[in-house]
Protein backbone atom coordinates (compact mmCIF):
# COMPACT_ATOMS: atom_id res chain seq x y z
CA UNK A 1 -3.51 20.78 -2.37
CA UNK A 2 -5.26 17.75 -4.10
CA UNK A 3 -1.88 16.81 -5.57
CA UNK A 4 -0.20 16.99 -2.41
CA UNK A 5 -2.81 14.94 -0.60
CA UNK A 6 -2.58 12.14 -3.21
CA UNK A 7 1.25 12.14 -2.94
CA UNK A 8 1.01 12.06 0.78
CA UNK A 9 -1.48 9.16 0.96
CA UNK A 10 0.62 7.07 -1.24
CA UNK A 11 3.65 7.66 1.02
CA UNK A 12 1.27 6.85 4.12
CA UNK A 13 0.16 3.58 2.61
CA UNK A 14 3.73 2.73 1.86
CA UNK A 15 4.67 3.06 5.51
CA UNK A 16 1.94 0.76 6.44
CA UNK A 17 2.74 -1.76 3.68
CA UNK A 18 6.29 -2.05 4.15
CA UNK A 19 7.96 -5.01 5.98
CA UNK A 20 8.61 -4.78 9.62
CA UNK A 21 12.15 -4.26 10.55
CA UNK A 22 13.10 -5.06 14.12
CA UNK A 23 9.47 -4.68 15.13
CA UNK A 24 8.78 -1.25 13.47
CA UNK A 25 7.91 -0.32 9.80
CA UNK A 26 10.73 0.67 7.56
CA UNK A 27 10.81 4.28 6.20
CA UNK A 28 8.56 5.11 3.35
CA UNK A 29 9.70 5.23 -0.15
CA UNK A 30 9.75 8.88 -1.77
CA UNK A 31 9.65 12.37 -0.75
CA UNK A 32 6.74 13.51 1.40
CA UNK A 33 5.25 16.88 0.41
CA UNK A 34 5.14 19.74 2.98
CA UNK A 35 1.37 19.88 3.84
CA UNK A 36 1.60 22.01 7.13
CA UNK A 37 -0.40 24.82 5.62
CA UNK A 38 -3.08 22.42 4.50
CA UNK A 39 -3.04 20.79 7.98
CA UNK A 40 -3.57 24.17 9.59
CA UNK A 41 -6.52 24.94 7.34
CA UNK A 42 -8.07 21.49 8.33
CA UNK A 43 -7.68 22.35 12.00
CA UNK A 44 -9.19 25.91 11.51
CA UNK A 45 -12.20 24.53 9.70
CA UNK A 46 -12.63 21.90 12.44
CA UNK A 47 -13.49 24.70 14.91
CA UNK A 48 -16.48 25.71 12.75
CA UNK A 49 -18.15 22.27 13.01
CA UNK A 50 -19.15 19.92 15.66
CA UNK A 51 -19.87 16.13 16.07
CA UNK A 52 -19.01 13.81 12.98
CA UNK A 53 -18.33 16.89 10.68
CA UNK A 54 -15.64 18.15 13.09
CA UNK A 55 -14.16 14.64 13.40
CA UNK A 56 -13.82 14.42 9.62
CA UNK A 57 -11.78 17.49 9.45
CA UNK A 58 -9.52 16.26 12.44
CA UNK A 59 -8.97 12.89 10.82
CA UNK A 60 -7.72 14.63 7.70
CA UNK A 61 -5.51 16.77 9.89
CA UNK A 62 -3.96 13.76 11.45
CA UNK A 63 -3.37 12.15 8.06
CA UNK A 64 -1.22 14.92 6.88
CA UNK A 65 0.71 15.54 10.11
CA UNK A 66 4.43 14.55 10.19
CA UNK A 67 5.73 15.59 13.57
CA UNK A 68 5.15 13.55 16.70
CA UNK A 69 3.56 16.72 18.62
CA UNK A 70 1.24 17.32 15.70
CA UNK A 71 0.07 13.65 15.67
CA UNK A 72 -0.51 13.75 19.38
CA UNK A 73 -2.29 17.15 19.27
CA UNK A 74 -4.83 15.93 16.75
CA UNK A 75 -5.21 12.56 18.27
CA UNK A 76 -5.88 14.00 21.79
CA UNK A 77 -8.64 16.05 20.30
CA UNK A 78 -10.20 13.13 18.65
CA UNK A 79 -10.12 11.00 21.80
CA UNK A 80 -11.39 13.72 23.97
CA UNK A 81 -14.49 14.62 21.92
CA UNK A 82 -15.02 11.86 19.34
CA UNK A 83 -14.41 8.50 21.05
CA UNK A 84 -17.81 7.27 20.21
CA UNK A 85 -18.03 8.65 16.72
CA UNK A 86 -18.31 6.11 13.77
CA UNK A 87 -16.02 8.38 11.79
CA UNK A 88 -13.10 7.22 14.06
CA UNK A 89 -13.15 4.02 12.00
CA UNK A 90 -11.76 6.13 8.98
CA UNK A 91 -8.70 6.52 11.02
CA UNK A 92 -8.66 2.74 11.52
CA UNK A 93 -5.72 2.09 9.13
CA UNK A 94 -3.63 4.29 11.11
CA UNK A 95 -4.36 2.58 14.52
CA UNK A 96 -1.49 0.19 14.02
CA UNK A 97 0.98 3.10 13.53
CA UNK A 98 0.01 5.23 16.56
CA UNK A 99 3.33 4.41 18.40
CA UNK A 100 5.37 5.28 15.14
CA UNK A 101 3.50 8.62 14.72
CA UNK A 102 3.37 9.44 18.51
CA UNK A 103 5.55 8.55 21.24
CA UNK A 104 5.33 4.93 21.99
CA UNK A 105 3.65 5.44 25.33
CA UNK A 106 1.15 7.97 23.97
CA UNK A 107 0.41 5.70 21.09
CA UNK A 108 -0.16 2.54 23.36
CA UNK A 109 -2.51 4.68 25.64
CA UNK A 110 -4.45 6.18 22.65
CA UNK A 111 -5.22 2.55 21.30
CA UNK A 112 -6.08 1.33 24.71
CA UNK A 113 -8.40 4.36 25.29
CA UNK A 114 -10.27 3.64 21.92
CA UNK A 115 -10.48 -0.20 22.68
CA UNK A 116 -12.06 0.65 26.21
CA UNK A 117 -14.32 3.60 25.02
CA UNK A 118 -15.70 2.94 21.80
CA UNK A 119 -18.61 0.64 21.23
CA UNK A 120 -18.64 0.88 17.37
CA UNK A 121 -17.99 -2.53 15.93
CA UNK A 122 -15.94 -1.16 13.09
CA UNK A 123 -13.71 0.70 15.39
CA UNK A 124 -13.18 -2.31 17.49
CA UNK A 125 -12.39 -4.26 14.40
CA UNK A 126 -9.61 -1.94 13.48
CA UNK A 127 -8.23 -1.94 17.08
CA UNK A 128 -7.96 -5.70 16.88
CA UNK A 129 -6.25 -5.62 13.52
CA UNK A 130 -3.80 -3.13 14.82
CA UNK A 131 -2.97 -5.30 17.71
CA UNK A 132 -2.31 -8.28 15.49
CA UNK A 133 -0.77 -6.76 12.38
CA UNK A 134 2.79 -6.95 13.65
CA UNK A 135 2.26 -10.67 14.13
CA UNK A 136 0.96 -10.97 10.69
CA UNK A 137 3.80 -8.99 9.32
CA UNK A 138 6.64 -10.84 11.21
CA UNK A 139 5.43 -14.44 11.83
CA UNK A 140 5.77 -17.41 9.58
CA UNK A 141 2.50 -17.93 7.89
CA UNK A 142 2.73 -21.51 8.85
CA UNK A 143 3.27 -20.83 12.53
CA UNK A 144 0.54 -21.34 15.12
CA UNK A 145 0.97 -17.59 16.13
CA UNK A 146 0.15 -16.44 12.62
CA UNK A 147 -2.67 -18.80 12.14
CA UNK A 148 -4.20 -17.68 15.57
CA UNK A 149 -3.89 -14.08 14.61
CA UNK A 150 -5.39 -14.73 11.24
CA UNK A 151 -8.45 -16.17 12.59
CA UNK A 152 -8.92 -13.41 15.06
CA UNK A 153 -8.63 -10.71 12.46
CA UNK A 154 -10.97 -12.55 9.96
CA UNK A 155 -13.54 -12.91 12.68
CA UNK A 156 -13.15 -9.16 13.68
CA UNK A 157 -13.43 -7.95 10.10
CA UNK A 158 -16.56 -10.10 9.52
CA UNK A 159 -18.27 -8.95 12.76
CA UNK A 160 -17.23 -5.21 12.11
CA UNK A 161 -19.27 -5.02 8.87
CA UNK A 162 -16.47 -2.48 7.67
CA UNK A 163 -15.71 -3.19 4.01
CA UNK A 164 -12.52 -1.28 4.13
CA UNK A 165 -11.17 -3.47 7.15
CA UNK A 166 -12.31 -6.54 5.29
CA UNK A 167 -10.33 -5.60 2.17
CA UNK A 168 -7.37 -4.77 4.43
CA UNK A 169 -7.37 -8.09 6.12
CA UNK A 170 -7.85 -9.88 2.89
CA UNK A 171 -4.90 -7.96 1.37
CA UNK A 172 -2.64 -8.54 4.28
CA UNK A 173 -3.25 -12.33 4.42
CA UNK A 174 -2.87 -12.63 0.57
CA UNK A 175 0.49 -10.70 0.89
CA UNK A 176 1.77 -13.18 3.30
CA UNK A 177 0.18 -16.48 2.02
CA UNK A 178 -0.21 -16.06 -1.64
CA UNK A 179 2.57 -13.67 -2.68
CA UNK A 180 5.25 -14.87 -0.36
CA UNK A 181 8.85 -15.24 -1.58
CA UNK A 182 9.35 -18.46 -3.58
CA UNK A 183 5.52 -18.76 -4.36
CA UNK A 184 4.44 -19.25 -7.93
CA UNK A 185 2.82 -15.96 -9.12
CA UNK A 186 -0.83 -16.19 -10.11
CA UNK A 187 -1.86 -15.37 -13.59
CA UNK A 188 -2.28 -11.63 -14.47
CA UNK A 189 -4.44 -11.05 -17.56
CA UNK A 190 -6.38 -8.14 -19.09
CA UNK A 191 -6.42 -5.59 -21.56
CA UNK A 192 -3.34 -3.06 -21.98
CA UNK A 193 -3.77 0.68 -22.44
CA UNK A 194 -4.35 0.11 -26.01
CA UNK A 195 -7.13 -2.42 -25.67
CA UNK A 196 -4.83 -5.54 -26.53
CA UNK A 197 -5.25 -8.73 -24.42
CA UNK A 198 -2.08 -9.51 -22.46
CA UNK A 199 -1.13 -12.25 -19.97
CA UNK A 200 1.66 -12.31 -17.54
CA UNK A 201 2.30 -15.90 -18.54
CA UNK A 202 3.40 -14.62 -21.94
CA UNK A 203 6.74 -13.58 -20.21
CA UNK A 204 7.39 -17.17 -18.92
CA UNK A 205 11.07 -17.90 -19.35
CA UNK A 206 12.07 -14.36 -18.77
CA UNK A 207 13.00 -12.60 -15.45
CA UNK A 208 10.08 -10.34 -15.14
CA UNK A 209 9.42 -7.07 -13.15
CA UNK A 210 5.69 -6.53 -12.45
CA UNK A 211 5.27 -2.86 -11.88
CA UNK A 212 1.94 -1.34 -10.29
CA UNK A 213 2.09 2.33 -10.96
CA UNK A 214 0.04 5.50 -10.98
CA UNK A 215 0.90 9.02 -12.07
CA UNK A 216 -0.32 10.68 -8.91
CA UNK A 217 2.62 9.04 -6.98
CA UNK A 218 5.84 10.80 -6.89
CA UNK A 219 7.91 7.69 -6.61
CA UNK A 220 6.06 6.07 -9.65
CA UNK A 221 6.69 9.14 -11.83
CA UNK A 222 10.35 8.88 -10.94
CA UNK A 223 10.46 5.42 -12.38
CA UNK A 224 9.36 6.37 -15.90
CA UNK A 225 12.96 7.45 -17.02
CA UNK A 226 14.52 4.72 -14.96
CA UNK A 227 12.19 1.95 -16.44
CA UNK A 228 12.88 3.01 -19.90
CA UNK A 229 16.53 2.92 -19.31
CA UNK A 230 16.28 -0.56 -17.79
CA UNK A 231 14.32 -1.88 -20.73
CA UNK A 232 16.99 -0.56 -23.31
CA UNK A 233 19.81 -1.82 -21.24
CA UNK A 234 18.36 -5.33 -20.97
CA UNK A 235 17.05 -5.59 -24.34
CA UNK A 236 19.28 -8.52 -25.26
CA UNK A 237 18.57 -10.28 -22.01
CA UNK A 238 15.64 -12.59 -21.03
CA UNK A 239 13.88 -9.70 -19.12
CA UNK A 240 10.38 -8.22 -19.29
CA UNK A 241 8.86 -5.20 -17.65
CA UNK A 242 5.11 -5.80 -17.15
CA UNK A 243 3.03 -2.91 -15.92
CA UNK A 244 -0.36 -2.27 -14.22
CA UNK A 245 -1.71 1.19 -14.42
CA UNK A 246 -3.67 2.55 -11.57
CA UNK A 247 -4.88 5.80 -13.32
CA UNK A 248 -8.05 6.21 -15.20
CA UNK A 249 -7.58 4.80 -18.76
CA UNK A 250 -7.31 8.12 -20.62
CA UNK A 251 -4.88 9.42 -18.03
CA UNK A 252 -2.66 6.33 -18.22
CA UNK A 253 -2.70 6.58 -22.04
CA UNK A 254 -1.58 10.15 -21.88
CA UNK A 255 1.27 9.47 -19.43
CA UNK A 256 2.39 6.44 -21.41
CA UNK A 257 2.54 8.71 -24.63
CA UNK A 258 4.16 11.61 -23.03
CA UNK A 259 6.93 9.70 -21.38
CA UNK A 260 7.09 7.13 -24.20
CA UNK A 261 6.96 4.41 -21.72
CA UNK A 262 8.92 1.26 -23.16
CA UNK A 263 6.73 -1.37 -21.44
CA UNK A 264 3.23 -2.47 -21.83
CA UNK A 265 0.67 -1.87 -18.88
CA UNK A 266 -2.57 -3.42 -18.10
CA UNK A 267 -5.54 -1.36 -17.14
CA UNK A 268 -6.08 -1.93 -13.39
CA UNK A 269 -9.82 -1.74 -13.53
CA UNK A 270 -11.70 -4.48 -15.56
CA UNK A 271 -14.86 -4.31 -17.37
CA UNK A 272 -16.72 -5.86 -14.43
CA UNK A 273 -15.53 -3.22 -12.10
CA UNK A 274 -13.02 -5.54 -10.27
CA UNK A 275 -9.42 -4.38 -9.90
CA UNK A 276 -6.15 -6.26 -10.39
CA UNK A 277 -4.60 -4.44 -7.45
CA UNK A 278 -7.03 -6.18 -5.11
CA UNK A 279 -6.34 -9.55 -6.60
CA UNK A 280 -2.69 -8.95 -6.17
CA UNK A 281 -2.94 -7.60 -2.53
CA UNK A 282 -1.32 -4.11 -3.64
CA UNK A 283 -1.09 -2.09 -0.42
CA UNK A 284 0.95 0.93 -1.72
CA UNK A 285 2.13 2.67 -5.04
CA UNK A 286 4.44 1.61 -6.45
CA UNK A 287 4.44 -2.09 -5.77
CA UNK A 288 7.22 -4.10 -7.53
CA UNK A 289 7.15 -7.71 -7.97
CA UNK A 290 10.21 -9.61 -9.42
CA UNK A 291 9.72 -13.02 -10.95
CA UNK A 292 12.36 -15.47 -11.90
CA UNK A 293 12.35 -17.21 -15.31
CA UNK A 294 9.96 -19.85 -13.95
CA UNK A 295 7.44 -17.37 -12.51
CA UNK A 296 8.33 -17.69 -8.90
CA UNK A 297 8.40 -14.57 -6.79
CA UNK A 298 11.84 -13.31 -5.88
CA UNK A 299 11.00 -9.94 -4.42
CA UNK A 300 7.84 -7.98 -3.54
CA UNK A 301 7.87 -4.63 -2.12
CA UNK A 302 8.07 -0.73 -2.73
CA UNK A 303 11.71 -0.18 -3.05
CA UNK A 304 12.68 0.40 -6.73
CA UNK A 305 16.43 -0.05 -6.16
CA UNK A 306 16.01 -3.37 -4.21
CA UNK A 307 13.58 -4.61 -7.05
CA UNK A 308 16.22 -3.70 -9.79
CA UNK A 309 18.86 -5.40 -7.70
CA UNK A 310 16.72 -8.52 -7.62
CA UNK A 311 16.24 -8.40 -11.36
CA UNK A 312 20.03 -8.30 -11.89
CA UNK A 313 20.61 -11.07 -9.44
CA UNK A 314 18.08 -13.42 -11.23
CA UNK A 315 19.53 -12.44 -14.71
CA UNK A 316 23.01 -13.40 -13.59
CA UNK A 317 21.86 -16.87 -12.97
CA UNK A 318 20.42 -17.20 -16.44
CA UNK A 319 23.19 -17.78 -19.19
CA UNK A 320 23.64 -15.21 -21.74
CA UNK A 321 22.96 -16.08 -25.46
CA UNK A 322 26.18 -17.18 -27.24
C-alpha cells in the first residue's frame, strides 16, 4: 500500500506540475497504480471517526481517487461536514484541479463553496492560488497579468502562514522566472553518492541532461536502463547526464549499485538540511532539465522522451570531432 501511495503521489504531483495545454494540464507521465481497494479502506475508516480525524481519511481517499464520480463523492462529503476544518488546507494543492478531477461545473462550485464558507486563512490562501495558477502557468512572466497574479499569490501565501503553500508559490514562480527556456541555469553543487564534491558547471561545453530522480517513482525506475543506454550511445559526443537523487543516501547508493547507473548523482539533502529540489523548483518526479553547451535551459519538464529529443536536437548543433 505504501509503495502504491508513493507512486500515486508522484503521478499526482506531475499532473499539477506539467505545463498547461489549451487551458488544462497535460496528462501525467507514467502508469498510475490501481488503488481502489485502498480508497475503499480509507472511506470505511472515515466512518469510525469524526471531526478533523474523519477529514484526514477523506482527504486521503480523495487523493487516491481516479474516477470523476469518486472525486465528486469524497469532495461532496468534505464540503458537507468539514468546510471549517483546518485539515482542508491539506487538500489545497488539489484545489486548482477540481475541474479536472470532477466535472467542470462541480469543480467550480466546490471551489466557490470553499471560498465562501471557510474562514481558515490557509484554506483561503490555497483558494486564491488555485484561481491564479493557470495565469501563472500560461502568461508571459513579463506581462502585467502575470505580475499582478504573482503579487496576489505572494500576499496570500504570506497571510496564510501555510509553509506548504509558501513553498508551492516560491517553486511555481521560480519555475517561470528562473528556470524558463533560454535562461542560464544556476550552479548546482554538492556531494555525490560517494561523497565526492561535484558541480554542474564542470559539464560546461557539453549538452547536459539534469535528471532529478527517486526510486519510489515508477517513471524514474523506468529510466535506469534508458539512461545507461543513452550514456553509452553518446560517449563520444559532448554529452553529460547529471543526476540528483531524492532518496535517502543509503537507498540511493543501493539503487545506483544494483542498476549500475552510469551517471553521477548528487545527494538532494545537504548537510544543512536544505534541499536541491527546492532551489531548483522541482514539482514532480522525475524532473528533467536539458542544457545546451553554454548552460542555457532548452527543456524543462517531466517527459523523458521529450527531454531526450531535446538532447539530440542540441547535439545536432554541435560539430562532431573529426
